[in-house]
C-alpha atoms as a PDB file:
ATOM      1  CA  MET A   1       0.488 -41.458  23.641  1.00  0.00           C
ATOM      2  CA  SER A   2      -0.324 -39.055  20.957  1.00  0.00           C
ATOM      3  CA  THR A   3       0.488 -40.293  17.282  1.00  0.00           C
ATOM      4  CA  SER A   4       0.194 -37.123  15.732  1.00  0.00           C
ATOM      5  CA  LEU A   5       3.026 -35.512  13.979  1.00  0.00           C
ATOM      6  CA  PRO A   6       4.815 -32.766  15.250  1.00  0.00           C
ATOM      7  CA  PRO A   7       4.016 -29.293  13.576  1.00  0.00           C
ATOM      8  CA  LYS A   8       6.008 -28.408  10.210  1.00  0.00           C
ATOM      9  CA  ARG A   9       8.715 -26.115  11.441  1.00  0.00           C
ATOM     10  CA  ARG A  10       8.176 -22.535   9.815  1.00  0.00           C
ATOM     11  CA  TYR A  11      10.306 -19.550   9.701  1.00  0.00           C
ATOM     12  CA  VAL A  12       9.771 -15.859  10.673  1.00  0.00           C
ATOM     13  CA  ALA A  13      12.271 -13.194  10.584  1.00  0.00           C
ATOM     14  CA  GLY A  14      11.642 -10.367  12.996  1.00  0.00           C
ATOM     15  CA  ASN A  15      11.479  -7.732  10.007  1.00  0.00           C
ATOM     16  CA  VAL A  16       9.175  -9.742   7.638  1.00  0.00           C
ATOM     17  CA  LEU A  17       6.106  -7.787   7.185  1.00  0.00           C
ATOM     18  CA  ARG A  18       2.701  -9.805   6.673  1.00  0.00           C
ATOM     19  CA  ARG A  19       2.554 -10.554   2.819  1.00  0.00           C
ATOM     20  CA  LEU A  20      -0.201  -8.070   1.882  1.00  0.00           C
ATOM     21  CA  GLU A  21       1.255  -5.127   3.881  1.00  0.00           C
ATOM     22  CA  VAL A  22       3.040  -2.633   2.164  1.00  0.00           C
ATOM     23  CA  VAL A  23       3.836  -0.059   4.681  1.00  0.00           C
ATOM     24  CA  ASP A  24       6.439  -0.926   7.451  1.00  0.00           C
ATOM     25  CA  LEU A  25       5.241   1.403  10.392  1.00  0.00           C
ATOM     26  CA  ASP A  26       8.635   0.793  12.177  1.00  0.00           C
ATOM     27  CA  LEU A  27      10.450   2.307   9.261  1.00  0.00           C
ATOM     28  CA  LEU A  28       8.179   5.068   9.117  1.00  0.00           C
ATOM     29  CA  GLY A  29       8.744   5.562  12.998  1.00  0.00           C
ATOM     30  CA  VAL A  30       5.031   5.877  13.980  1.00  0.00           C
ATOM     31  CA  TRP A  31       4.464   6.320  17.885  1.00  0.00           C
ATOM     32  CA  PRO A  32       1.254   6.020  20.067  1.00  0.00           C
ATOM     33  CA  SER A  33      -0.829   9.247  19.940  1.00  0.00           C
ATOM     34  CA  ALA A  34       0.848  10.459  16.607  1.00  0.00           C
ATOM     35  CA  ARG A  35      -1.603  12.470  14.339  1.00  0.00           C
ATOM     36  CA  VAL A  36      -1.852  10.301  11.124  1.00  0.00           C
ATOM     37  CA  LEU A  37      -3.660  11.090   7.934  1.00  0.00           C
ATOM     38  CA  ASP A  38      -4.263   8.007   5.500  1.00  0.00           C
ATOM     39  CA  VAL A  39      -5.122   9.719   1.862  1.00  0.00           C
ATOM     40  CA  GLY A  40      -7.234   7.201  -0.161  1.00  0.00           C
ATOM     41  CA  CYS A  41      -7.900   5.060   2.824  1.00  0.00           C
ATOM     42  CA  GLY A  42     -10.053   2.419   1.062  1.00  0.00           C
ATOM     43  CA  VAL A  43     -11.753   0.230   3.482  1.00  0.00           C
ATOM     44  CA  GLY A  44      -9.327   1.079   6.201  1.00  0.00           C
ATOM     45  CA  ARG A  45      -7.010  -1.554   6.202  1.00  0.00           C
ATOM     46  CA  LEU A  46      -3.802   0.616   6.746  1.00  0.00           C
ATOM     47  CA  GLY A  47      -5.669   2.745   8.991  1.00  0.00           C
ATOM     48  CA  ALA A  48      -6.535  -0.184  11.335  1.00  0.00           C
ATOM     49  CA  ARG A  49      -2.753  -0.799  11.720  1.00  0.00           C
ATOM     50  CA  PHE A  50      -1.953   2.792  12.587  1.00  0.00           C
ATOM     51  CA  GLN A  51      -5.046   2.489  14.990  1.00  0.00           C
ATOM     52  CA  GLY A  52      -3.570  -0.692  16.622  1.00  0.00           C
ATOM     53  CA  ARG A  53      -0.255   1.418  17.360  1.00  0.00           C
ATOM     54  CA  GLY A  54      -2.314   3.798  19.213  1.00  0.00           C
ATOM     55  CA  CYS A  55      -2.071   6.664  16.719  1.00  0.00           C
ATOM     56  CA  GLU A  56      -4.940   9.261  16.226  1.00  0.00           C
ATOM     57  CA  THR A  57      -5.773   8.120  12.570  1.00  0.00           C
ATOM     58  CA  THR A  58      -7.822  10.137  10.225  1.00  0.00           C
ATOM     59  CA  GLY A  59      -8.876   8.618   6.849  1.00  0.00           C
ATOM     60  CA  ILE A  60      -9.962  10.386   3.577  1.00  0.00           C
ATOM     61  CA  ASP A  61     -11.273   8.635   0.334  1.00  0.00           C
ATOM     62  CA  ILE A  62     -13.398  10.063  -2.290  1.00  0.00           C
ATOM     63  CA  LEU A  63     -15.805   7.025  -2.342  1.00  0.00           C
ATOM     64  CA  ARG A  64     -18.305   6.995   0.175  1.00  0.00           C
ATOM     65  CA  ARG A  65     -18.868   3.264  -0.064  1.00  0.00           C
ATOM     66  CA  ASP A  66     -15.268   2.547   0.858  1.00  0.00           C
ATOM     67  CA  LEU A  67     -15.532   5.155   3.983  1.00  0.00           C
ATOM     68  CA  LEU A  68     -18.471   3.178   5.019  1.00  0.00           C
ATOM     69  CA  SER A  69     -16.801  -0.036   4.973  1.00  0.00           C
ATOM     70  CA  ALA A  70     -13.842   1.399   6.669  1.00  0.00           C
ATOM     71  CA  ARG A  71     -15.971   2.744   9.632  1.00  0.00           C
ATOM     72  CA  ARG A  72     -17.468  -0.783  10.079  1.00  0.00           C
ATOM     73  CA  ASN A  73     -13.918  -2.366   9.995  1.00  0.00           C
ATOM     74  CA  THR A  74     -12.497   0.090  12.575  1.00  0.00           C
ATOM     75  CA  ALA A  75     -15.599   0.554  14.647  1.00  0.00           C
ATOM     76  CA  ALA A  76     -14.646  -1.642  17.548  1.00  0.00           C
ATOM     77  CA  ALA A  77     -10.847  -0.709  17.890  1.00  0.00           C
ATOM     78  CA  GLU A  78      -9.508   2.213  19.899  1.00  0.00           C
ATOM     79  CA  PRO A  79      -8.677   5.016  19.686  1.00  0.00           C
ATOM     80  CA  PRO A  80     -11.380   5.852  17.071  1.00  0.00           C
ATOM     81  CA  THR A  81     -10.518   6.545  13.479  1.00  0.00           C
ATOM     82  CA  THR A  82     -12.143   9.846  11.854  1.00  0.00           C
ATOM     83  CA  PHE A  83     -13.331   9.485   8.240  1.00  0.00           C
ATOM     84  CA  VAL A  84     -14.064  12.201   5.958  1.00  0.00           C
ATOM     85  CA  GLN A  85     -15.258  12.059   2.448  1.00  0.00           C
ATOM     86  CA  ALA A  86     -12.528  14.411   0.651  1.00  0.00           C
ATOM     87  CA  ASP A  87     -10.319  14.388  -2.565  1.00  0.00           C
ATOM     88  CA  GLY A  88      -6.845  14.214  -2.114  1.00  0.00           C
ATOM     89  CA  GLY A  89      -6.322  17.387  -4.386  1.00  0.00           C
ATOM     90  CA  ARG A  90      -8.122  19.357  -2.011  1.00  0.00           C
ATOM     91  CA  ILE A  91      -7.541  17.976   1.592  1.00  0.00           C
ATOM     92  CA  PRO A  92      -9.881  19.930   4.048  1.00  0.00           C
ATOM     93  CA  PHE A  93      -7.146  20.222   6.919  1.00  0.00           C
ATOM     94  CA  VAL A  94      -4.848  23.142   8.019  1.00  0.00           C
ATOM     95  CA  ASP A  95      -0.958  23.203   7.121  1.00  0.00           C
ATOM     96  CA  ALA A  96       1.196  21.008   9.286  1.00  0.00           C
ATOM     97  CA  SER A  97      -1.820  19.135  10.933  1.00  0.00           C
ATOM     98  CA  PHE A  98      -0.372  15.811  10.876  1.00  0.00           C
ATOM     99  CA  ASP A  99       2.881  13.977  12.200  1.00  0.00           C
ATOM    100  CA  PHE A 100       2.487  11.175   9.619  1.00  0.00           C
ATOM    101  CA  VAL A 101       0.763  11.131   6.047  1.00  0.00           C
ATOM    102  CA  ALA A 102       0.250   7.696   4.159  1.00  0.00           C
ATOM    103  CA  CYS A 103      -0.987   7.515   0.492  1.00  0.00           C
ATOM    104  CA  THR A 104      -0.947   4.053  -0.758  1.00  0.00           C
ATOM    105  CA  GLU A 105      -1.957   3.060  -4.303  1.00  0.00           C
ATOM    106  CA  THR A 106      -3.756   6.080  -4.803  1.00  0.00           C
ATOM    107  CA  LEU A 107      -1.449   8.606  -6.864  1.00  0.00           C
ATOM    108  CA  GLU A 108      -1.947   6.436  -9.906  1.00  0.00           C
ATOM    109  CA  HIS A 109      -5.484   7.210  -9.710  1.00  0.00           C
ATOM    110  CA  ALA A 110      -5.316  11.278  -9.124  1.00  0.00           C
ATOM    111  CA  ALA A 111      -6.167  13.369 -11.858  1.00  0.00           C
ATOM    112  CA  ASP A 112      -3.541  15.833 -10.841  1.00  0.00           C
ATOM    113  CA  ALA A 113      -0.845  13.784  -8.814  1.00  0.00           C
ATOM    114  CA  ALA A 114       1.580  16.797  -8.465  1.00  0.00           C
ATOM    115  CA  LEU A 115      -1.136  18.751  -6.944  1.00  0.00           C
ATOM    116  CA  MET A 116      -1.906  15.788  -4.511  1.00  0.00           C
ATOM    117  CA  LEU A 117       1.709  15.310  -3.526  1.00  0.00           C
ATOM    118  CA  ARG A 118       1.926  19.158  -2.724  1.00  0.00           C
ATOM    119  CA  GLU A 119      -1.342  18.775  -0.555  1.00  0.00           C
ATOM    120  CA  LEU A 120       0.264  15.955   1.273  1.00  0.00           C
ATOM    121  CA  ALA A 121       3.304  17.800   1.836  1.00  0.00           C
ATOM    122  CA  ARG A 122       1.311  21.104   3.038  1.00  0.00           C
ATOM    123  CA  VAL A 123      -0.654  19.188   5.745  1.00  0.00           C
ATOM    124  CA  LEU A 124       2.473  17.220   7.134  1.00  0.00           C
ATOM    125  CA  ARG A 125       4.362  18.994   9.920  1.00  0.00           C
ATOM    126  CA  PRO A 126       7.883  20.124   9.565  1.00  0.00           C
ATOM    127  CA  GLY A 127       9.984  17.124  10.704  1.00  0.00           C
ATOM    128  CA  GLY A 128       7.113  14.751  10.110  1.00  0.00           C
ATOM    129  CA  ARG A 129       7.173  11.687   7.750  1.00  0.00           C
ATOM    130  CA  ILE A 130       5.324  10.501   4.852  1.00  0.00           C
ATOM    131  CA  VAL A 131       4.835   7.056   2.824  1.00  0.00           C
ATOM    132  CA  VAL A 132       3.727   6.695  -0.537  1.00  0.00           C
ATOM    133  CA  SER A 133       3.132   3.758  -2.469  1.00  0.00           C
ATOM    134  CA  VAL A 134       2.226   3.296  -6.292  1.00  0.00           C
ATOM    135  CA  PRO A 135       2.224  -0.047  -8.474  1.00  0.00           C
ATOM    136  CA  ASP A 136       5.465  -0.735 -10.081  1.00  0.00           C
ATOM    137  CA  ALA A 137       6.049  -0.070 -13.862  1.00  0.00           C
ATOM    138  CA  LEU A 138       6.702  -3.702 -15.036  1.00  0.00           C
ATOM    139  CA  PRO A 139       3.331  -5.565 -13.899  1.00  0.00           C
ATOM    140  CA  GLU A 140       1.349  -2.427 -14.849  1.00  0.00           C
ATOM    141  CA  LEU A 141       2.636  -2.712 -18.316  1.00  0.00           C
ATOM    142  CA  VAL A 142       1.934  -6.433 -18.460  1.00  0.00           C
ATOM    143  CA  ALA A 143      -1.617  -5.716 -17.122  1.00  0.00           C
ATOM    144  CA  SER A 144      -2.415  -3.209 -19.645  1.00  0.00           C
ATOM    145  CA  SER A 145      -1.370  -5.265 -22.531  1.00  0.00           C
ATOM    146  CA  PHE A 146      -3.697  -7.990 -21.559  1.00  0.00           C
ATOM    147  CA  TYR A 147      -6.631  -5.938 -20.219  1.00  0.00           C
ATOM    148  CA  ASP A 148      -7.856  -3.041 -22.973  1.00  0.00           C
ATOM    149  CA  LEU A 149     -10.073  -1.385 -20.301  1.00  0.00           C
ATOM    150  CA  TYR A 150      -7.254  -1.234 -17.836  1.00  0.00           C
ATOM    151  CA  TYR A 151      -6.868   2.521 -18.014  1.00  0.00           C
ATOM    152  CA  ASP A 152     -10.575   3.355 -19.230  1.00  0.00           C
ATOM    153  CA  ASP A 153     -12.108   3.185 -15.836  1.00  0.00           C
ATOM    154  CA  PRO A 154     -12.727   6.949 -14.582  1.00  0.00           C
ATOM    155  CA  PHE A 155     -11.610   5.806 -11.101  1.00  0.00           C
ATOM    156  CA  GLY A 156      -8.882   3.573 -12.820  1.00  0.00           C
ATOM    157  CA  HIS A 157      -5.196   4.203 -13.257  1.00  0.00           C
ATOM    158  CA  ARG A 158      -3.992   7.263 -15.123  1.00  0.00           C
ATOM    159  CA  ARG A 159      -0.290   6.647 -15.008  1.00  0.00           C
ATOM    160  CA  ILE A 160       2.555   4.343 -14.598  1.00  0.00           C
ATOM    161  CA  TYR A 161       5.355   5.138 -12.183  1.00  0.00           C
ATOM    162  CA  THR A 162       8.923   3.945 -12.735  1.00  0.00           C
ATOM    163  CA  ARG A 163      11.057   3.722  -9.385  1.00  0.00           C
ATOM    164  CA  ARG A 164      12.929   6.902 -10.299  1.00  0.00           C
ATOM    165  CA  ARG A 165      10.050   8.543 -11.312  1.00  0.00           C
ATOM    166  CA  ILE A 166       7.887   8.337  -8.168  1.00  0.00           C
ATOM    167  CA  ALA A 167      11.113   9.138  -5.969  1.00  0.00           C
ATOM    168  CA  ARG A 168      11.439  12.453  -7.938  1.00  0.00           C
ATOM    169  CA  ALA A 169       7.808  13.211  -7.568  1.00  0.00           C
ATOM    170  CA  VAL A 170       8.183  12.890  -3.882  1.00  0.00           C
ATOM    171  CA  GLU A 171      11.444  15.190  -3.816  1.00  0.00           C
ATOM    172  CA  VAL A 172       9.521  17.676  -6.013  1.00  0.00           C
ATOM    173  CA  ALA A 173       6.866  18.309  -3.380  1.00  0.00           C
ATOM    174  CA  GLY A 174       9.577  19.548  -0.922  1.00  0.00           C
ATOM    175  CA  LEU A 175       9.970  16.207   0.723  1.00  0.00           C
ATOM    176  CA  ARG A 176      13.394  14.252   1.504  1.00  0.00           C
ATOM    177  CA  VAL A 177      13.227  10.623   0.531  1.00  0.00           C
ATOM    178  CA  TYR A 178      15.123   8.601   3.244  1.00  0.00           C
ATOM    179  CA  ALA A 179      13.990   5.032   2.151  1.00  0.00           C
ATOM    180  CA  ARG A 180      12.842   3.158  -0.663  1.00  0.00           C
ATOM    181  CA  ARG A 181      11.117  -0.373  -0.661  1.00  0.00           C
ATOM    182  CA  GLN A 182       9.767  -2.849  -3.173  1.00  0.00           C
ATOM    183  CA  ARG A 183       6.988  -5.024  -1.837  1.00  0.00           C
ATOM    184  CA  ASN A 184       4.389  -8.063  -2.814  1.00  0.00           C
ATOM    185  CA  SER A 185       6.311  -9.749  -5.548  1.00  0.00           C
ATOM    186  CA  VAL A 186       3.854 -12.633  -5.039  1.00  0.00           C
ATOM    187  CA  GLU A 187       0.877 -10.705  -5.696  1.00  0.00           C
ATOM    188  CA  ALA A 188       2.626  -9.153  -9.100  1.00  0.00           C
ATOM    189  CA  VAL A 189       3.059 -12.701 -10.169  1.00  0.00           C
ATOM    190  CA  TYR A 190      -0.775 -13.673  -9.113  1.00  0.00           C
ATOM    191  CA  TRP A 191      -2.114 -10.967 -11.231  1.00  0.00           C
ATOM    192  CA  THR A 192      -0.064 -11.505 -14.130  1.00  0.00           C
ATOM    193  CA  LEU A 193      -1.024 -14.951 -14.077  1.00  0.00           C
ATOM    194  CA  LEU A 194      -4.492 -14.201 -13.972  1.00  0.00           C
ATOM    195  CA  PHE A 195      -4.439 -11.858 -16.630  1.00  0.00           C
ATOM    196  CA  LEU A 196      -2.494 -14.585 -18.809  1.00  0.00           C
ATOM    197  CA  LEU A 197      -5.182 -17.214 -17.838  1.00  0.00           C
ATOM    198  CA  ASP A 198      -7.893 -14.916 -18.748  1.00  0.00           C
ATOM    199  CA  ALA A 199      -6.882 -14.898 -22.359  1.00  0.00           C
ATOM    200  CA  CYS A 200      -6.584 -18.621 -22.491  1.00  0.00           C
ATOM    201  CA  PRO A 201     -10.316 -19.727 -22.092  1.00  0.00           C
ATOM    202  CA  TYR A 202      -9.579 -23.560 -22.354  1.00  0.00           C
ATOM    203  CA  MET A 203      -7.326 -23.282 -19.048  1.00  0.00           C
ATOM    204  CA  ARG A 204      -9.460 -20.734 -17.321  1.00  0.00           C
ATOM    205  CA  PRO A 205     -11.948 -23.117 -15.648  1.00  0.00           C
ATOM    206  CA  TRP A 206      -9.412 -25.366 -13.665  1.00  0.00           C
ATOM    207  CA  ALA A 207      -6.408 -23.000 -13.714  1.00  0.00           C
ATOM    208  CA  VAL A 208      -7.939 -20.116 -11.832  1.00  0.00           C
ATOM    209  CA  ASP A 209      -9.028 -22.231  -8.769  1.00  0.00           C
ATOM    210  CA  ALA A 210      -5.705 -23.524  -8.486  1.00  0.00           C
ATOM    211  CA  LEU A 211      -4.028 -20.249  -8.840  1.00  0.00           C
ATOM    212  CA  ASN A 212      -6.481 -18.743  -6.093  1.00  0.00           C
ATOM    213  CA  ARG A 213      -5.632 -21.845  -3.806  1.00  0.00           C
ATOM    214  CA  TRP A 214      -1.995 -21.081  -4.414  1.00  0.00           C
ATOM    215  CA  ARG A 215      -2.406 -17.513  -3.538  1.00  0.00           C
ATOM    216  CA  ASP A 216      -4.098 -18.393  -0.315  1.00  0.00           C
ATOM    217  CA  ARG A 217      -1.296 -20.862   0.850  1.00  0.00           C
ATOM    218  CA  SER A 218       1.170 -18.109   0.302  1.00  0.00           C
ATOM    219  CA  ASN A 219      -0.850 -15.807   2.572  1.00  0.00           C
ATOM    220  CA  GLU A 220      -0.565 -18.220   5.418  1.00  0.00           C
ATOM    221  CA  GLU A 221       1.575 -17.289   8.553  1.00  0.00           C
ATOM    222  CA  PRO A 222       4.233 -18.033   9.732  1.00  0.00           C
ATOM    223  CA  TYR A 223       5.830 -17.913   6.329  1.00  0.00           C
ATOM    224  CA  SER A 224       8.281 -20.684   5.341  1.00  0.00           C
ATOM    225  CA  LEU A 225      11.877 -20.000   4.695  1.00  0.00           C
ATOM    226  CA  LEU A 226      11.744 -20.659   1.088  1.00  0.00           C
ATOM    227  CA  TYR A 227       8.798 -18.337   0.697  1.00  0.00           C
ATOM    228  CA  HIS A 228      10.530 -15.551   2.355  1.00  0.00           C
ATOM    229  CA  VAL A 229      13.918 -16.150   0.286  1.00  0.00           C
ATOM    230  CA  LEU A 230      11.720 -16.200  -3.026  1.00  0.00           C
ATOM    231  CA  ASP A 231       9.711 -13.253  -1.898  1.00  0.00           C
ATOM    232  CA  GLU A 232      12.630 -10.975  -1.095  1.00  0.00           C
ATOM    233  CA  ALA A 233      14.253 -12.096  -4.484  1.00  0.00           C
ATOM    234  CA  GLY A 234      11.212 -11.304  -6.412  1.00  0.00           C
ATOM    235  CA  ASN A 235      10.859  -7.909  -4.891  1.00  0.00           C
ATOM    236  CA  ARG A 236      14.053  -6.795  -6.439  1.00  0.00           C
ATOM    237  CA  PHE A 237      12.921  -7.657  -9.994  1.00  0.00           C
ATOM    238  CA  PHE A 238       9.108  -7.858 -10.065  1.00  0.00           C
ATOM    239  CA  PRO A 239       7.525  -6.213  -7.137  1.00  0.00           C
ATOM    240  CA  LYS A 240       3.856  -5.352  -7.282  1.00  0.00           C
ATOM    241  CA  SER A 241       4.333  -1.833  -5.132  1.00  0.00           C
ATOM    242  CA  LEU A 242       6.999   0.560  -4.879  1.00  0.00           C
ATOM    243  CA  VAL A 243       7.230   2.331  -1.487  1.00  0.00           C
ATOM    244  CA  VAL A 244       8.851   5.426  -0.801  1.00  0.00           C
ATOM    245  CA  TYR A 245       9.502   7.089   2.734  1.00  0.00           C
ATOM    246  CA  ALA A 246      10.247  10.707   3.089  1.00  0.00           C
ATOM    247  CA  GLU A 247      10.549  13.463   5.696  1.00  0.00           C
ATOM    248  CA  LYS A 248       9.369  17.278   5.481  1.00  0.00           C
ATOM    249  CA  PRO A 249      12.433  19.288   6.349  1.00  0.00           C
ATOM    250  CA  ARG A 250      12.164  21.463   9.264  1.00  0.00           C
ATOM    251  CA  ALA A 251      12.451  25.455   8.702  1.00  0.00           C
ATOM    252  CA  VAL A 252      15.865  26.982   8.881  1.00  0.00           C
ATOM    253  CA  GLY A 253      16.593  29.844  11.100  1.00  0.00           C
END
């Protein structure tokens, strides 16, 4: 007879995203074979999720090294993803080319965010949907107060968005916002504590390791009920990411 203890009971709600996932693909409404553009695709994490839903995905990014990583990360999956080196302010596709457009944690880096949003709207077909995410203002302000070089990197953050400001920017581009979400409060807490520890050299050697172990545990699935409750509460007050879902109006007449 086995003497091992039964596994600890865990909790997973049907609508709980994985901890580092910002975009809810069900709320966006993607379907297999949909044409998807991922602007600022980075190393392809979000694109791989679209790929897993059977979407025909194209990723663009300005950094060649990230595109090379994205190709490696998605090479074994089907359908294949296309990657193009391009600036989000000059998207190399004709009008109404895509059913869905995603732009996550990218607008804050853009030299001209309004131009980029107009480009995102241009390549989206009428009736198509877009998701945009940016860092929330509060953790951005905390980070910039502890890190003098936060905005000096040429590829770094150029602006801070409030919840109202990002929704308004999406609407000004001619898109109709239908949902807003806040995500990843645990990440906001992690990075805030990391910046604080960086300012305390006596605590740094042992505290950073402890903090990273806590972060790794919080990323384990399935999540505990306590984690889920705390994360949802934290997302109301101190999220890392603001997420806006919008639709391009259909032509009238």
